[in-house]
C-alpha atoms as a PDB file:
ATOM      1  CA  MET A   1      45.779  -0.145-145.457  1.00  0.00           C
ATOM      2  CA  ALA A   2      44.905  -3.771-145.950  1.00  0.00           C
ATOM      3  CA  SER A   3      41.917  -6.003-145.576  1.00  0.00           C
ATOM      4  CA  TYR A   4      40.997  -7.733-142.363  1.00  0.00           C
ATOM      5  CA  THR A   5      42.720 -10.890-143.581  1.00  0.00           C
ATOM      6  CA  VAL A   6      46.038  -9.437-142.434  1.00  0.00           C
ATOM      7  CA  SER A   7      44.792 -10.020-138.891  1.00  0.00           C
ATOM      8  CA  LEU A   8      44.695 -13.729-139.734  1.00  0.00           C
ATOM      9  CA  LEU A   9      48.431 -13.755-140.411  1.00  0.00           C
ATOM     10  CA  ASN A  10      50.191 -16.199-138.111  1.00  0.00           C
ATOM     11  CA  PRO A  11      51.905 -14.364-135.204  1.00  0.00           C
ATOM     12  CA  LYS A  12      55.046 -16.471-135.748  1.00  0.00           C
ATOM     13  CA  ILE A  13      55.345 -15.154-139.307  1.00  0.00           C
ATOM     14  CA  ILE A  14      54.831 -11.567-138.098  1.00  0.00           C
ATOM     15  CA  GLU A  15      57.594 -12.108-135.542  1.00  0.00           C
ATOM     16  CA  ASP A  16      60.001 -13.891-137.912  1.00  0.00           C
ATOM     17  CA  LEU A  17      59.695 -11.126-140.509  1.00  0.00           C
ATOM     18  CA  ASN A  18      59.858  -8.328-137.895  1.00  0.00           C
ATOM     19  CA  LEU A  19      56.749  -6.857-139.471  1.00  0.00           C
ATOM     20  CA  HIS A  20      55.965  -4.567-136.529  1.00  0.00           C
ATOM     21  CA  GLU A  21      59.436  -2.994-136.943  1.00  0.00           C
ATOM     22  CA  HIS A  22      58.517  -2.384-140.598  1.00  0.00           C
ATOM     23  CA  GLY A  23      55.356  -0.540-139.626  1.00  0.00           C
ATOM     24  CA  LEU A  24      52.750  -3.305-139.412  1.00  0.00           C
ATOM     25  CA  GLU A  25      49.935  -2.189-137.172  1.00  0.00           C
ATOM     26  CA  ILE A  26      46.859  -4.374-136.854  1.00  0.00           C
ATOM     27  CA  LYS A  27      43.694  -2.664-135.688  1.00  0.00           C
ATOM     28  CA  LEU A  28      40.930  -5.092-134.862  1.00  0.00           C
ATOM     29  CA  ARG A  29      37.352  -4.188-135.625  1.00  0.00           C
ATOM     30  CA  PRO A  30      34.829  -4.015-132.779  1.00  0.00           C
ATOM     31  CA  GLN A  31      32.678  -6.545-134.608  1.00  0.00           C
ATOM     32  CA  SER A  32      33.988  -9.631-136.364  1.00  0.00           C
ATOM     33  CA  ASN A  33      31.234  -9.498-138.976  1.00  0.00           C
ATOM     34  CA  PHE A  34      28.137  -7.482-139.766  1.00  0.00           C
ATOM     35  CA  PHE A  35      25.413  -8.900-141.976  1.00  0.00           C
ATOM     36  CA  PRO A  36      22.640  -6.562-143.109  1.00  0.00           C
ATOM     37  CA  LEU A  37      19.439  -8.487-143.673  1.00  0.00           C
ATOM     38  CA  SER A  38      16.092  -7.620-145.176  1.00  0.00           C
ATOM     39  CA  ASP A  39      13.502  -5.502-143.378  1.00  0.00           C
ATOM     40  CA  ARG A  40      16.127  -3.302-141.669  1.00  0.00           C
ATOM     41  CA  LYS A  41      17.385  -6.209-139.577  1.00  0.00           C
ATOM     42  CA  SER A  42      21.010  -7.199-139.160  1.00  0.00           C
ATOM     43  CA  LEU A  43      23.165  -9.823-137.502  1.00  0.00           C
ATOM     44  CA  SER A  44      26.474  -8.955-135.870  1.00  0.00           C
ATOM     45  CA  PHE A  45      29.229 -11.250-134.691  1.00  0.00           C
ATOM     46  CA  HIS A  46      31.181  -9.693-131.835  1.00  0.00           C
ATOM     47  CA  LYS A  47      34.531 -10.377-130.199  1.00  0.00           C
ATOM     48  CA  ASN A  48      32.618 -11.394-127.065  1.00  0.00           C
ATOM     49  CA  LEU A  49      30.822 -14.744-127.289  1.00  0.00           C
ATOM     50  CA  LEU A  50      27.958 -13.668-125.013  1.00  0.00           C
ATOM     51  CA  ASP A  51      27.213 -10.650-127.200  1.00  0.00           C
ATOM     52  CA  THR A  52      27.259 -12.834-130.297  1.00  0.00           C
ATOM     53  CA  GLN A  53      24.969 -15.379-128.642  1.00  0.00           C
ATOM     54  CA  ALA A  54      22.503 -12.607-127.806  1.00  0.00           C
ATOM     55  CA  GLU A  55      22.506 -11.534-131.460  1.00  0.00           C
ATOM     56  CA  VAL A  56      22.000 -15.088-132.743  1.00  0.00           C
ATOM     57  CA  ALA A  57      19.275 -15.734-130.142  1.00  0.00           C
ATOM     58  CA  ARG A  58      17.148 -13.029-131.793  1.00  0.00           C
ATOM     59  CA  PHE A  59      16.841 -15.458-134.709  1.00  0.00           C
ATOM     60  CA  SER A  60      17.321 -18.858-133.049  1.00  0.00           C
ATOM     61  CA  GLU A  61      17.789 -19.622-129.357  1.00  0.00           C
ATOM     62  CA  ARG A  62      18.797 -23.181-130.266  1.00  0.00           C
ATOM     63  CA  ASP A  63      21.602 -21.935-132.526  1.00  0.00           C
ATOM     64  CA  ALA A  64      22.724 -19.459-129.861  1.00  0.00           C
ATOM     65  CA  ALA A  65      22.943 -22.268-127.310  1.00  0.00           C
ATOM     66  CA  THR A  66      25.149 -24.383-129.560  1.00  0.00           C
ATOM     67  CA  LEU A  67      27.444 -21.507-130.564  1.00  0.00           C
ATOM     68  CA  PRO A  68      30.103 -22.188-127.862  1.00  0.00           C
ATOM     69  CA  ASP A  69      30.496 -25.782-129.063  1.00  0.00           C
ATOM     70  CA  PHE A  70      30.705 -24.609-132.674  1.00  0.00           C
ATOM     71  CA  TYR A  71      33.375 -22.026-131.813  1.00  0.00           C
ATOM     72  CA  ALA A  72      35.350 -24.663-129.858  1.00  0.00           C
ATOM     73  CA  MET A  73      35.289 -26.985-132.875  1.00  0.00           C
ATOM     74  CA  LEU A  74      36.424 -24.174-135.189  1.00  0.00           C
ATOM     75  CA  GLU A  75      39.248 -23.262-132.826  1.00  0.00           C
ATOM     76  CA  SER A  76      40.493 -26.860-132.649  1.00  0.00           C
ATOM     77  CA  VAL A  77      40.564 -27.068-136.456  1.00  0.00           C
ATOM     78  CA  ALA A  78      42.220 -23.642-136.711  1.00  0.00           C
ATOM     79  CA  ASN A  79      44.929 -24.717-134.246  1.00  0.00           C
ATOM     80  CA  ILE A  80      45.773 -27.722-136.414  1.00  0.00           C
ATOM     81  CA  LEU A  81      45.904 -25.560-139.533  1.00  0.00           C
ATOM     82  CA  ARG A  82      48.071 -22.924-137.812  1.00  0.00           C
ATOM     83  CA  GLU A  83      50.615 -25.611-136.913  1.00  0.00           C
ATOM     84  CA  GLU A  84      50.584 -27.107-140.402  1.00  0.00           C
ATOM     85  CA  LEU A  85      51.116 -23.734-142.047  1.00  0.00           C
ATOM     86  CA  LEU A  86      54.455 -23.413-140.243  1.00  0.00           C
ATOM     87  CA  ARG A  87      55.752 -26.776-141.401  1.00  0.00           C
ATOM     88  CA  SER A  88      57.922 -27.135-144.463  1.00  0.00           C
ATOM     89  CA  PRO A  89      56.232 -28.996-147.296  1.00  0.00           C
ATOM     90  CA  PRO A  90      57.439 -32.559-147.798  1.00  0.00           C
ATOM     91  CA  MET A  91      60.239 -33.162-150.261  1.00  0.00           C
ATOM     92  CA  TRP A  92      58.375 -35.761-152.308  1.00  0.00           C
ATOM     93  CA  VAL A  93      60.854 -36.033-155.151  1.00  0.00           C
ATOM     94  CA  ALA A  94      63.840 -36.551-152.859  1.00  0.00           C
ATOM     95  CA  ALA A  95      61.902 -38.999-150.698  1.00  0.00           C
ATOM     96  CA  LEU A  96      60.762 -40.955-153.746  1.00  0.00           C
ATOM     97  CA  ARG A  97      64.302 -41.067-155.127  1.00  0.00           C
ATOM     98  CA  THR A  98      65.635 -42.336-151.776  1.00  0.00           C
ATOM     99  CA  TRP A  99      62.945 -44.989-151.645  1.00  0.00           C
ATOM    100  CA  CYS A 100      63.709 -46.101-155.214  1.00  0.00           C
ATOM    101  CA  VAL A 101      67.430 -46.372-154.460  1.00  0.00           C
ATOM    102  CA  GLN A 102      66.762 -48.334-151.307  1.00  0.00           C
ATOM    103  CA  ALA A 103      64.385 -50.624-153.176  1.00  0.00           C
ATOM    104  CA  ALA A 104      66.975 -50.987-155.971  1.00  0.00           C
ATOM    105  CA  LEU A 105      64.496 -49.666-158.501  1.00  0.00           C
ATOM    106  CA  VAL A 106      66.843 -47.112-160.055  1.00  0.00           C
END
């Protein structure tokens, strides 16, 4: 058993480590998030955008209307981060040493 954050694990990492062969099984929740509010009200975020918009519209039709644009922006940022997470970190020390040698500073 693990928290929902395992579902955020990059599919490339799951594949590279053969995690499914080691028993990894990800079960997605029917709702992304559930927020209980005061006065017996709640707000749910669903897998389906239209269902989520209907939930948000109960509180703000304006916010519900802008939700697709907000999700698109989040997805574009997430795509950049997913790519960056798979890159090796820069070798700053080696790069600095090479630059110093080339600049005859060492």
